[in-house]
Amino acid sequence: MFSGMVSDGLGALTILGTVWAYVLPALMIVGGALFAVGMYYDVASWVTGLALGSIPVGMLLKPVLSGVALPDVMPMAINAFIWLIVYVFVVKLCTCCGGGSCEK
């Protein structure tokens, strides 16, 4: 269902949406697992940041590429931006207190 929701209404970009629907969860799992294990903080933060950052971008591009109204996706996009802010705090906490380097 997630793949159908992501690629719905993208026209010529449907294949790209379908591929990203499978890549996005993989990036989140790999990044979260690396954070949980405490290894490779740099790789984990980039992978998870890419996955989380693509969510609001994709939501805001959906009205441009398909017939979805912007007010229908805006609350979810704002929620995704809030999660990005929380993610920045988590990365900062993990790198400063969890064994990474913290430069001031």
C-alpha atoms as a PDB file:
ATOM      1  CA  MET A   1       0.000   0.000   0.000  1.00  0.00           C
ATOM      2  CA  PHE A   2       2.856   2.406   0.751  1.00  0.00           C
ATOM      3  CA  SER A   3       4.299   1.927  -2.726  1.00  0.00           C
ATOM      4  CA  GLY A   4       0.946   2.691  -4.319  1.00  0.00           C
ATOM      5  CA  MET A   5       0.447   5.786  -2.182  1.00  0.00           C
ATOM      6  CA  VAL A   6       3.900   7.160  -2.981  1.00  0.00           C
ATOM      7  CA  SER A   7       3.753   6.580  -6.729  1.00  0.00           C
ATOM      8  CA  ASP A   8       0.087   7.506  -7.225  1.00  0.00           C
ATOM      9  CA  GLY A   9      -0.410  10.396  -9.626  1.00  0.00           C
ATOM     10  CA  LEU A  10       3.242  10.968 -10.501  1.00  0.00           C
ATOM     11  CA  GLY A  11       2.777  10.371 -14.215  1.00  0.00           C
ATOM     12  CA  ALA A  12       6.147   9.749 -15.865  1.00  0.00           C
ATOM     13  CA  LEU A  13       7.847   9.606 -12.460  1.00  0.00           C
ATOM     14  CA  THR A  14       5.790   6.630 -11.237  1.00  0.00           C
ATOM     15  CA  ILE A  15       8.761   4.262 -11.532  1.00  0.00           C
ATOM     16  CA  LEU A  16      10.922   6.629  -9.481  1.00  0.00           C
ATOM     17  CA  GLY A  17       8.204   6.842  -6.816  1.00  0.00           C
ATOM     18  CA  THR A  18       7.926   3.058  -6.663  1.00  0.00           C
ATOM     19  CA  VAL A  19      11.688   2.617  -6.277  1.00  0.00           C
ATOM     20  CA  TRP A  20      11.829   5.295  -3.574  1.00  0.00           C
ATOM     21  CA  ALA A  21       8.955   3.581  -1.728  1.00  0.00           C
ATOM     22  CA  TYR A  22      11.269   0.587  -1.233  1.00  0.00           C
ATOM     23  CA  VAL A  23      14.486   2.549  -0.640  1.00  0.00           C
ATOM     24  CA  LEU A  24      13.018   4.878   2.030  1.00  0.00           C
ATOM     25  CA  PRO A  25      12.153   2.156   4.596  1.00  0.00           C
ATOM     26  CA  ALA A  26      15.518   0.476   3.996  1.00  0.00           C
ATOM     27  CA  LEU A  27      17.344   3.744   4.725  1.00  0.00           C
ATOM     28  CA  MET A  28      15.335   4.258   7.897  1.00  0.00           C
ATOM     29  CA  ILE A  29      15.992   0.724   9.122  1.00  0.00           C
ATOM     30  CA  VAL A  30      19.725   0.887   8.413  1.00  0.00           C
ATOM     31  CA  GLY A  31      20.110   4.339   9.987  1.00  0.00           C
ATOM     32  CA  GLY A  32      18.049   3.450  13.048  1.00  0.00           C
ATOM     33  CA  ALA A  33      19.904   0.181  13.551  1.00  0.00           C
ATOM     34  CA  LEU A  34      23.275   1.935  13.353  1.00  0.00           C
ATOM     35  CA  PHE A  35      22.123   4.507  15.916  1.00  0.00           C
ATOM     36  CA  ALA A  36      20.772   1.794  18.206  1.00  0.00           C
ATOM     37  CA  VAL A  37      23.963  -0.257  18.020  1.00  0.00           C
ATOM     38  CA  GLY A  38      26.127   2.827  18.487  1.00  0.00           C
ATOM     39  CA  MET A  39      28.286   2.359  15.417  1.00  0.00           C
ATOM     40  CA  TYR A  40      29.111   4.670  12.517  1.00  0.00           C
ATOM     41  CA  TYR A  41      27.258   7.745  13.771  1.00  0.00           C
ATOM     42  CA  ASP A  42      28.205   9.710  10.665  1.00  0.00           C
ATOM     43  CA  VAL A  43      26.758   7.134   8.280  1.00  0.00           C
ATOM     44  CA  ALA A  44      23.684   6.650  10.465  1.00  0.00           C
ATOM     45  CA  SER A  45      22.956  10.376  10.633  1.00  0.00           C
ATOM     46  CA  TRP A  46      23.352  10.880   6.876  1.00  0.00           C
ATOM     47  CA  VAL A  47      21.248   7.849   5.954  1.00  0.00           C
ATOM     48  CA  THR A  48      18.463   8.647   8.385  1.00  0.00           C
ATOM     49  CA  GLY A  49      18.594  12.359   7.562  1.00  0.00           C
ATOM     50  CA  LEU A  50      18.222  11.599   3.865  1.00  0.00           C
ATOM     51  CA  ALA A  51      15.239   9.379   4.552  1.00  0.00           C
ATOM     52  CA  LEU A  52      13.521  11.818   6.921  1.00  0.00           C
ATOM     53  CA  GLY A  53      14.331  14.861   4.771  1.00  0.00           C
ATOM     54  CA  SER A  54      12.799  13.294   1.690  1.00  0.00           C
ATOM     55  CA  ILE A  55       9.409  12.895   3.347  1.00  0.00           C
ATOM     56  CA  PRO A  56       8.335  16.565   3.542  1.00  0.00           C
ATOM     57  CA  VAL A  57       9.944  17.273   0.170  1.00  0.00           C
ATOM     58  CA  GLY A  58       7.938  14.471  -1.415  1.00  0.00           C
ATOM     59  CA  MET A  59       4.757  15.613   0.288  1.00  0.00           C
ATOM     60  CA  LEU A  60       5.188  19.164  -0.968  1.00  0.00           C
ATOM     61  CA  LEU A  61       6.015  17.979  -4.508  1.00  0.00           C
ATOM     62  CA  LYS A  62       2.927  15.774  -4.674  1.00  0.00           C
ATOM     63  CA  PRO A  63       0.533  18.721  -5.295  1.00  0.00           C
ATOM     64  CA  VAL A  64       2.834  19.994  -8.048  1.00  0.00           C
ATOM     65  CA  LEU A  65       3.024  16.653  -9.865  1.00  0.00           C
ATOM     66  CA  SER A  66      -0.488  15.332  -9.258  1.00  0.00           C
ATOM     67  CA  GLY A  67      -3.976  16.592  -8.573  1.00  0.00           C
ATOM     68  CA  VAL A  68      -3.695  16.508  -4.780  1.00  0.00           C
ATOM     69  CA  ALA A  69      -4.617  19.808  -3.130  1.00  0.00           C
ATOM     70  CA  LEU A  70      -1.897  21.490  -1.066  1.00  0.00           C
ATOM     71  CA  PRO A  71      -4.130  21.956   2.028  1.00  0.00           C
ATOM     72  CA  ASP A  72      -4.608  18.175   2.099  1.00  0.00           C
ATOM     73  CA  VAL A  73      -0.874  17.472   2.523  1.00  0.00           C
ATOM     74  CA  MET A  74       0.274  20.561   4.417  1.00  0.00           C
ATOM     75  CA  PRO A  75      -0.538  19.301   7.970  1.00  0.00           C
ATOM     76  CA  MET A  76       1.416  16.105   7.309  1.00  0.00           C
ATOM     77  CA  ALA A  77       4.336  18.063   5.824  1.00  0.00           C
ATOM     78  CA  ILE A  78       4.452  20.313   8.885  1.00  0.00           C
ATOM     79  CA  ASN A  79       4.449  17.208  11.092  1.00  0.00           C
ATOM     80  CA  ALA A  80       7.379  15.824   9.084  1.00  0.00           C
ATOM     81  CA  PHE A  81       9.303  19.086   9.570  1.00  0.00           C
ATOM     82  CA  ILE A  82       8.730  18.805  13.331  1.00  0.00           C
ATOM     83  CA  TRP A  83      10.168  15.277  13.225  1.00  0.00           C
ATOM     84  CA  LEU A  84      13.202  16.658  11.371  1.00  0.00           C
ATOM     85  CA  ILE A  85      13.770  19.142  14.193  1.00  0.00           C
ATOM     86  CA  VAL A  86      13.518  16.323  16.750  1.00  0.00           C
ATOM     87  CA  TYR A  87      15.956  14.315  14.635  1.00  0.00           C
ATOM     88  CA  VAL A  88      18.518  17.139  14.718  1.00  0.00           C
ATOM     89  CA  PHE A  89      18.360  17.137  18.528  1.00  0.00           C
ATOM     90  CA  VAL A  90      18.758  13.330  18.634  1.00  0.00           C
ATOM     91  CA  VAL A  91      21.794  13.428  16.352  1.00  0.00           C
ATOM     92  CA  LYS A  92      23.351  16.186  18.428  1.00  0.00           C
ATOM     93  CA  LEU A  93      22.726  14.229  21.644  1.00  0.00           C
ATOM     94  CA  CYS A  94      24.117  10.972  20.205  1.00  0.00           C
ATOM     95  CA  THR A  95      27.281  12.544  18.871  1.00  0.00           C
ATOM     96  CA  CYS A  96      27.979  14.609  22.000  1.00  0.00           C
ATOM     97  CA  CYS A  97      27.121  12.037  24.641  1.00  0.00           C
ATOM     98  CA  GLY A  98      27.233   8.716  22.859  1.00  0.00           C
ATOM     99  CA  GLY A  99      30.846   8.345  21.862  1.00  0.00           C
ATOM    100  CA  GLY A 100      31.080  10.621  18.829  1.00  0.00           C
ATOM    101  CA  SER A 101      32.953  13.878  18.791  1.00  0.00           C
ATOM    102  CA  CYS A 102      31.259  17.070  19.917  1.00  0.00           C
ATOM    103  CA  GLU A 103      32.957  20.234  18.730  1.00  0.00           C
ATOM    104  CA  LYS A 104      31.782  23.543  20.083  1.00  0.00           C
END
